[in-house]
Amino acid sequence: MGSLKSHAVCFPFPAQGHINPMMQLAKLLHSRGFYITFVNSEFNHRRLIRSKGKEAVKGLPDFRFEAIPDGLPPSDSDATQCVPVICDSTRKNCLAPFLELLSKLNSSPQLPPVTCIVCDGIMNCGTKAAQLIGVPYVQLWTSSTASFLGFLHYKELAQRGIVPFKDEGFVSDGTLEMPIDWIPGMPDMRLKDLPRFIRTTDPEDTMFNYIMEVSQECLNSSSIIFNTFDDLDKEVLQQVLSHPTVGVFLTRWNSLLEAASEGVPLIRWPFFADQQTSCRYSCTTWDNGMEINPDIKRKDVEALIKEIMEGDNGQRIRQKAFELKKKAKSAISIGGSSITNFYRMIKEALRQG
């Protein structure tokens, strides 16, 4: 085959908000000369074919698609899979088929051998596989850096006896207003601003324990790629990066990062996972958004839109949003923090040795 390319296997968590950022990262690596194998779950592979046809997974000679089972019963449903169920299943069932796929790739004379694995931050089977076959690996954290820092402190929340909660009264008795002022880099936080998986009374809660486990395991990675840019999360990044991992910052982070990159102000309506944390930062630290009452009514939406578009507070928010846009564009320009750190990650983590 002549000079062998570096071969990156990209393995996202099987949910759309994780697949899209991983695909963008895979394309960036491909543009830098990497051979790419992109691994979906069989469920999402079939779903993609149904929605866009077989051409969607045909790929290129050096950008291939593969699929492995997620451990759940076969289904042709177009509905999104239950997140706790898929987390539990991938943790228990994905390592063996992923190792089998890696073995198949490495035994094919038509392909360059696998030289690195890029896996989702909450797919610990990817990191275990990389360790077993002896290749470097990096992890992509698709949600906010602040959420990652919050997840890292789940263990301490449990050790302090704060969570799990004693009974369901925590929802309405003011418990969630408790100030959390002991997490470095996360000032002015309340218990309700931490990622939502703490809201349980069950010590065996699947999501709380799963996220607590995988976030700690992320710290063993060759590198963690955070979906942010320096000027957005500087204080939080300084705390996360005090751990000896290589930090790399990209410029896409679902709707919030897209809005920041385009200078669009936000109305925030958090209800799942890390959305409470990013909402708090958007409304109090970045100042590019306003939160709507969770008991949402039409008049509330109308009032917030009017305030953002016409009010004095809205003018300040729009100005902040515009400033974030300039900072985001600077980060992805030549010499910017995102580009510089991306190249550094390739050199120090993916092509080490």
Protein backbone atom coordinates (compact mmCIF):
# COMPACT_ATOMS: atom_id res chain seq x y z
CA MET A 1 0.00 0.00 0.00
CA GLY A 2 3.03 2.26 0.02
CA SER A 3 3.23 4.79 2.81
CA LEU A 4 0.57 3.87 5.37
CA LYS A 5 -1.82 6.54 6.59
CA SER A 6 -2.66 7.05 10.24
CA HIS A 7 -5.95 5.21 10.77
CA ALA A 8 -8.39 6.75 13.27
CA VAL A 9 -11.45 4.80 14.39
CA CYS A 10 -14.14 7.29 15.46
CA PHE A 11 -16.75 5.89 17.85
CA PRO A 12 -19.58 8.23 18.97
CA PHE A 13 -22.21 7.56 21.61
CA PRO A 14 -25.31 6.44 19.65
CA ALA A 15 -27.38 9.62 19.98
CA GLN A 16 -27.70 12.40 17.39
CA GLY A 17 -26.27 15.12 19.61
CA HIS A 18 -23.12 13.00 19.89
CA ILE A 19 -22.91 11.61 16.35
CA ASN A 20 -22.88 15.00 14.60
CA PRO A 21 -19.93 16.50 16.56
CA MET A 22 -17.97 13.27 16.10
CA MET A 23 -18.65 13.39 12.35
CA GLN A 24 -17.33 16.96 12.20
CA LEU A 25 -14.20 15.88 14.06
CA ALA A 26 -13.77 12.86 11.76
CA LYS A 27 -13.95 15.15 8.72
CA LEU A 28 -11.32 17.45 10.24
CA LEU A 29 -9.00 14.49 10.84
CA HIS A 30 -9.66 13.22 7.31
CA SER A 31 -8.67 16.63 5.95
CA ARG A 32 -5.36 16.23 7.79
CA GLY A 33 -4.57 12.94 6.06
CA PHE A 34 -6.12 10.38 8.39
CA TYR A 35 -7.82 7.23 7.14
CA ILE A 36 -11.19 7.19 8.95
CA THR A 37 -13.42 4.35 10.09
CA PHE A 38 -16.63 5.79 11.55
CA VAL A 39 -18.51 3.37 13.81
CA ASN A 40 -22.25 3.65 14.38
CA SER A 41 -24.56 1.35 16.27
CA GLU A 42 -26.51 -1.00 14.00
CA PHE A 43 -29.71 0.79 15.07
CA ASN A 44 -28.42 4.19 13.90
CA HIS A 45 -26.78 2.68 10.80
CA ARG A 46 -30.15 1.28 9.66
CA ARG A 47 -31.90 4.50 10.60
CA LEU A 48 -29.47 6.52 8.47
CA ILE A 49 -30.01 4.23 5.48
CA ARG A 50 -33.80 4.49 5.83
CA SER A 51 -33.71 8.29 5.97
CA LYS A 52 -31.00 9.06 3.38
CA GLY A 53 -30.44 5.86 1.41
CA LYS A 54 -27.45 3.53 1.12
CA GLU A 55 -25.31 6.29 -0.40
CA ALA A 56 -25.23 7.95 3.03
CA VAL A 57 -23.02 5.16 4.39
CA LYS A 58 -21.06 4.41 1.23
CA GLY A 59 -18.27 6.72 2.31
CA LEU A 60 -15.00 7.21 0.43
CA PRO A 61 -12.03 4.90 -0.19
CA ASP A 62 -10.37 6.35 2.91
CA PHE A 63 -13.49 7.26 4.93
CA ARG A 64 -15.49 4.13 5.76
CA PHE A 65 -18.57 3.36 7.85
CA GLU A 66 -18.97 0.32 10.09
CA ALA A 67 -21.67 -0.74 12.55
CA ILE A 68 -21.71 -2.83 15.71
CA PRO A 69 -24.63 -4.02 17.88
CA ASP A 70 -25.59 -1.95 20.91
CA GLY A 71 -26.84 -4.95 22.87
CA LEU A 72 -30.52 -4.06 22.59
CA PRO A 73 -33.17 -6.10 20.73
CA PRO A 74 -33.29 -5.28 16.99
CA SER A 75 -35.66 -2.43 16.15
CA ASP A 76 -36.62 -0.46 13.06
CA SER A 77 -38.22 2.31 15.11
CA ASP A 78 -37.46 5.90 14.10
CA ALA A 79 -37.87 7.04 17.69
CA THR A 80 -34.83 8.11 19.69
CA GLN A 81 -33.63 5.34 21.98
CA CYS A 82 -34.08 5.72 25.74
CA VAL A 83 -30.85 7.31 27.01
CA PRO A 84 -30.54 5.40 30.34
CA VAL A 85 -31.25 2.12 28.56
CA ILE A 86 -28.69 2.72 25.80
CA CYS A 87 -26.07 3.90 28.35
CA ASP A 88 -26.51 0.73 30.39
CA SER A 89 -26.49 -1.48 27.31
CA THR A 90 -23.40 0.04 25.68
CA ARG A 91 -21.49 -0.21 28.95
CA LYS A 92 -22.31 -3.91 29.26
CA ASN A 93 -22.35 -5.07 25.64
CA CYS A 94 -20.26 -2.94 23.26
CA LEU A 95 -16.68 -3.82 24.19
CA ALA A 96 -16.64 -7.33 22.68
CA PRO A 97 -18.12 -6.40 19.26
CA PHE A 98 -15.93 -3.29 19.09
CA LEU A 99 -12.80 -5.37 19.73
CA GLU A 100 -13.99 -7.81 17.07
CA LEU A 101 -14.34 -4.93 14.59
CA LEU A 102 -10.86 -3.63 15.42
CA SER A 103 -9.44 -7.10 14.85
CA LYS A 104 -11.19 -7.28 11.48
CA LEU A 105 -9.82 -3.88 10.46
CA ASN A 106 -6.29 -4.81 11.51
CA SER A 107 -6.38 -8.12 9.65
CA SER A 108 -7.53 -6.59 6.34
CA PRO A 109 -4.67 -6.22 3.83
CA GLN A 110 -6.65 -3.48 2.05
CA LEU A 111 -6.64 -1.18 5.10
CA PRO A 112 -3.91 0.55 7.07
CA PRO A 113 -3.71 -0.80 10.64
CA VAL A 114 -5.62 1.07 13.32
CA THR A 115 -3.26 3.62 14.86
CA CYS A 116 -5.61 5.50 17.21
CA ILE A 117 -9.16 5.58 18.56
CA VAL A 118 -11.30 8.69 18.97
CA CYS A 119 -14.25 7.86 21.18
CA ASP A 120 -17.08 9.71 22.83
CA GLY A 121 -16.39 10.83 26.38
CA ILE A 122 -19.24 8.69 27.67
CA MET A 123 -18.26 5.56 25.68
CA ASN A 124 -15.78 3.93 28.03
CA CYS A 125 -15.72 0.74 25.96
CA GLY A 126 -13.77 2.71 23.35
CA THR A 127 -11.04 3.62 25.82
CA LYS A 128 -10.86 0.07 27.18
CA ALA A 129 -10.48 -1.29 23.65
CA ALA A 130 -7.66 1.16 22.88
CA GLN A 131 -5.83 0.11 26.03
CA LEU A 132 -6.24 -3.58 25.13
CA ILE A 133 -4.85 -3.24 21.59
CA GLY A 134 -2.18 -0.75 22.63
CA VAL A 135 -3.02 2.35 20.58
CA PRO A 136 -3.40 5.97 21.72
CA TYR A 137 -6.90 7.29 22.22
CA VAL A 138 -8.57 10.62 22.75
CA GLN A 139 -12.07 11.41 23.92
CA LEU A 140 -14.54 13.94 22.57
CA TRP A 141 -16.70 15.60 25.22
CA THR A 142 -19.70 16.83 23.24
CA SER A 143 -21.46 18.89 25.90
CA SER A 144 -20.14 21.91 27.78
CA THR A 145 -16.85 21.99 29.64
CA ALA A 146 -18.77 23.28 32.65
CA SER A 147 -20.94 20.18 32.57
CA PHE A 148 -17.81 18.01 32.54
CA LEU A 149 -16.51 19.80 35.62
CA GLY A 150 -19.92 19.31 37.24
CA PHE A 151 -19.91 15.59 36.40
CA LEU A 152 -16.41 15.25 37.88
CA HIS A 153 -17.83 16.43 41.21
CA TYR A 154 -20.73 13.95 41.31
CA LYS A 155 -18.52 11.70 43.44
CA GLU A 156 -17.94 14.45 46.00
CA LEU A 157 -21.65 15.29 46.05
CA ALA A 158 -22.29 11.67 46.99
CA GLN A 159 -19.48 11.63 49.57
CA ARG A 160 -20.91 14.77 51.20
CA GLY A 161 -24.30 13.04 51.47
CA ILE A 162 -26.00 15.64 49.27
CA VAL A 163 -27.09 13.11 46.65
CA PRO A 164 -28.95 10.89 46.16
CA PHE A 165 -31.75 12.83 47.81
CA LYS A 166 -33.58 11.33 50.77
CA ASP A 167 -37.06 11.71 49.26
CA GLU A 168 -38.93 13.37 46.41
CA GLY A 169 -39.46 16.51 48.48
CA PHE A 170 -36.22 17.94 47.05
CA VAL A 171 -38.17 18.96 43.93
CA SER A 172 -40.25 21.57 45.76
CA ASP A 173 -38.80 22.18 49.25
CA GLY A 174 -36.01 24.56 48.24
CA THR A 175 -33.22 21.97 48.43
CA LEU A 176 -32.21 22.65 44.83
CA GLU A 177 -31.52 26.31 45.71
CA MET A 178 -28.56 25.22 47.89
CA PRO A 179 -25.44 27.23 46.92
CA ILE A 180 -22.60 25.09 45.57
CA ASP A 181 -19.58 27.31 46.13
CA TRP A 182 -16.82 24.72 46.51
CA ILE A 183 -16.25 23.66 42.87
CA PRO A 184 -13.20 25.56 41.55
CA GLY A 185 -13.97 27.42 38.34
CA MET A 186 -17.75 27.27 38.84
CA PRO A 187 -18.78 30.31 40.91
CA ASP A 188 -22.36 31.31 41.74
CA MET A 189 -23.76 27.82 41.19
CA ARG A 190 -26.78 26.33 42.89
CA LEU A 191 -27.57 22.64 43.24
CA LYS A 192 -30.24 23.00 40.55
CA ASP A 193 -27.63 24.35 38.10
CA LEU A 194 -25.57 21.15 38.14
CA PRO A 195 -26.22 18.56 35.41
CA ARG A 196 -29.66 17.07 35.97
CA PHE A 197 -28.66 13.47 36.65
CA ILE A 198 -28.15 14.33 40.35
CA ARG A 199 -31.94 14.58 40.70
CA THR A 200 -32.54 11.09 42.02
CA THR A 201 -33.40 9.34 45.28
CA ASP A 202 -32.03 5.99 44.06
CA PRO A 203 -28.43 5.09 45.05
CA GLU A 204 -28.40 2.69 42.08
CA ASP A 205 -29.67 5.25 39.56
CA THR A 206 -28.32 4.27 36.14
CA MET A 207 -27.51 7.72 34.78
CA PHE A 208 -26.00 9.16 37.96
CA ASN A 209 -23.65 6.22 38.41
CA TYR A 210 -22.85 5.88 34.71
CA ILE A 211 -21.92 9.55 34.27
CA MET A 212 -19.94 9.58 37.52
CA GLU A 213 -17.93 6.58 36.28
CA VAL A 214 -17.24 7.68 32.70
CA SER A 215 -16.35 11.28 33.56
CA GLN A 216 -13.68 10.07 35.99
CA GLU A 217 -12.37 7.62 33.38
CA CYS A 218 -12.01 10.48 30.88
CA LEU A 219 -9.09 11.75 32.94
CA ASN A 220 -7.05 8.70 31.91
CA SER A 221 -7.28 9.62 28.24
CA SER A 222 -4.32 10.72 26.12
CA SER A 223 -6.33 13.85 25.41
CA ILE A 224 -9.81 15.25 25.93
CA ILE A 225 -11.34 17.32 23.15
CA PHE A 226 -13.73 19.86 24.62
CA ASN A 227 -16.43 21.28 22.38
CA THR A 228 -15.79 24.92 23.18
CA PHE A 229 -13.31 27.73 22.58
CA ASP A 230 -10.91 29.37 25.02
CA ASP A 231 -12.65 32.69 25.54
CA LEU A 232 -16.03 31.08 26.28
CA ASP A 233 -14.94 28.71 29.04
CA LYS A 234 -11.57 30.08 30.15
CA GLU A 235 -12.04 29.78 33.93
CA VAL A 236 -13.61 26.33 33.73
CA LEU A 237 -10.96 25.13 31.28
CA GLN A 238 -8.19 26.26 33.61
CA GLN A 239 -9.61 24.01 36.33
CA VAL A 240 -10.17 21.03 34.05
CA LEU A 241 -6.75 21.39 32.47
CA SER A 242 -5.01 21.45 35.84
CA HIS A 243 -5.19 17.69 35.36
CA PRO A 244 -2.28 16.49 33.16
CA THR A 245 -4.32 15.83 30.01
CA VAL A 246 -3.92 17.62 26.70
CA GLY A 247 -6.78 20.06 26.05
CA VAL A 248 -8.11 20.63 22.56
CA PHE A 249 -10.90 23.05 21.84
CA LEU A 250 -13.22 22.87 18.84
CA THR A 251 -15.89 25.37 17.90
CA ARG A 252 -19.09 23.33 17.71
CA TRP A 253 -21.34 22.52 20.66
CA ASN A 254 -24.85 21.72 19.49
CA SER A 255 -27.25 24.67 19.41
CA LEU A 256 -25.57 26.79 22.08
CA LEU A 257 -22.13 26.75 20.46
CA GLU A 258 -23.69 27.34 17.06
CA ALA A 259 -25.60 30.32 18.42
CA ALA A 260 -22.47 31.72 20.08
CA SER A 261 -20.48 31.27 16.88
CA GLU A 262 -23.10 33.18 14.91
CA GLY A 263 -23.75 35.93 17.46
CA VAL A 264 -27.34 34.85 18.14
CA PRO A 265 -28.89 35.64 21.56
CA LEU A 266 -30.68 32.77 23.29
CA ILE A 267 -33.86 32.01 25.18
CA ARG A 268 -32.96 29.05 27.40
CA TRP A 269 -35.42 26.30 28.39
CA PRO A 270 -33.34 23.60 30.15
CA PHE A 271 -34.83 20.21 30.94
CA PHE A 272 -32.28 17.40 30.45
CA ALA A 273 -28.71 16.30 31.17
CA ASP A 274 -26.26 19.26 31.22
CA GLN A 275 -28.76 21.87 30.00
CA GLN A 276 -29.25 23.36 33.48
CA THR A 277 -25.52 24.04 33.74
CA SER A 278 -25.12 25.60 30.31
CA CYS A 279 -28.26 27.68 30.94
CA ARG A 280 -26.77 29.08 34.13
CA TYR A 281 -23.55 30.00 32.34
CA SER A 282 -25.40 31.50 29.39
CA CYS A 283 -27.53 33.72 31.63
CA THR A 284 -24.97 34.75 34.27
CA THR A 285 -21.43 34.32 32.92
CA TRP A 286 -21.55 34.64 29.14
CA ASP A 287 -24.61 36.96 29.27
CA ASN A 288 -25.86 35.86 25.85
CA GLY A 289 -29.23 34.51 26.94
CA MET A 290 -32.28 34.65 29.20
CA GLU A 291 -34.04 31.74 30.90
CA ILE A 292 -37.75 31.14 30.49
CA ASN A 293 -39.98 29.94 33.33
CA PRO A 294 -40.14 26.11 33.15
CA ASP A 295 -43.92 26.37 33.59
CA ILE A 296 -43.94 27.80 30.09
CA LYS A 297 -46.80 29.95 28.82
CA ARG A 298 -47.28 31.74 25.52
CA LYS A 299 -47.19 35.18 27.12
CA ASP A 300 -43.84 34.38 28.76
CA VAL A 301 -42.31 33.46 25.40
CA GLU A 302 -43.73 36.60 23.82
CA ALA A 303 -42.41 38.80 26.64
CA LEU A 304 -38.91 37.34 26.49
CA ILE A 305 -38.68 37.65 22.72
CA LYS A 306 -39.80 41.27 22.94
CA GLU A 307 -37.26 41.98 25.69
CA ILE A 308 -34.37 40.40 23.77
CA MET A 309 -35.27 42.10 20.49
CA GLU A 310 -36.33 45.53 21.79
CA GLY A 311 -35.49 45.99 25.49
CA ASP A 312 -32.45 47.53 27.17
CA ASN A 313 -31.48 44.18 28.70
CA GLY A 314 -31.91 42.60 25.28
CA GLN A 315 -29.56 45.15 23.73
CA ARG A 316 -26.88 44.18 26.27
CA ILE A 317 -27.44 40.47 25.55
CA ARG A 318 -27.27 41.02 21.79
CA GLN A 319 -24.00 42.93 22.22
CA LYS A 320 -22.55 40.08 24.31
CA ALA A 321 -23.67 37.59 21.67
CA PHE A 322 -21.92 39.63 18.98
CA GLU A 323 -18.71 39.71 21.06
CA LEU A 324 -18.84 35.91 21.45
CA LYS A 325 -19.20 35.57 17.68
CA LYS A 326 -15.98 37.54 17.15
CA LYS A 327 -14.16 35.42 19.74
CA ALA A 328 -15.41 32.18 18.17
CA LYS A 329 -14.25 33.24 14.71
CA SER A 330 -10.88 34.24 16.13
CA ALA A 331 -10.51 30.79 17.71
CA ILE A 332 -10.87 29.01 14.36
CA SER A 333 -8.70 31.44 12.40
CA ILE A 334 -5.06 30.66 11.55
CA GLY A 335 -3.15 30.94 14.81
CA GLY A 336 -6.37 30.82 16.85
CA SER A 337 -6.70 28.67 19.96
CA SER A 338 -8.93 26.00 18.41
CA ILE A 339 -6.75 25.47 15.33
CA THR A 340 -3.53 25.54 17.37
CA ASN A 341 -4.81 23.02 19.89
CA PHE A 342 -6.27 20.77 17.20
CA TYR A 343 -2.88 20.45 15.52
CA ARG A 344 -1.26 19.95 18.91
CA MET A 345 -3.67 17.12 19.70
CA ILE A 346 -2.83 15.37 16.41
CA LYS A 347 0.91 15.67 17.04
CA GLU A 348 1.02 14.84 20.74
CA ALA A 349 -1.85 12.38 21.16
CA LEU A 350 -2.91 10.71 17.92
CA ARG A 351 0.47 10.44 16.21
CA GLN A 352 2.59 9.92 19.30
CA GLY A 353 5.57 7.67 18.85
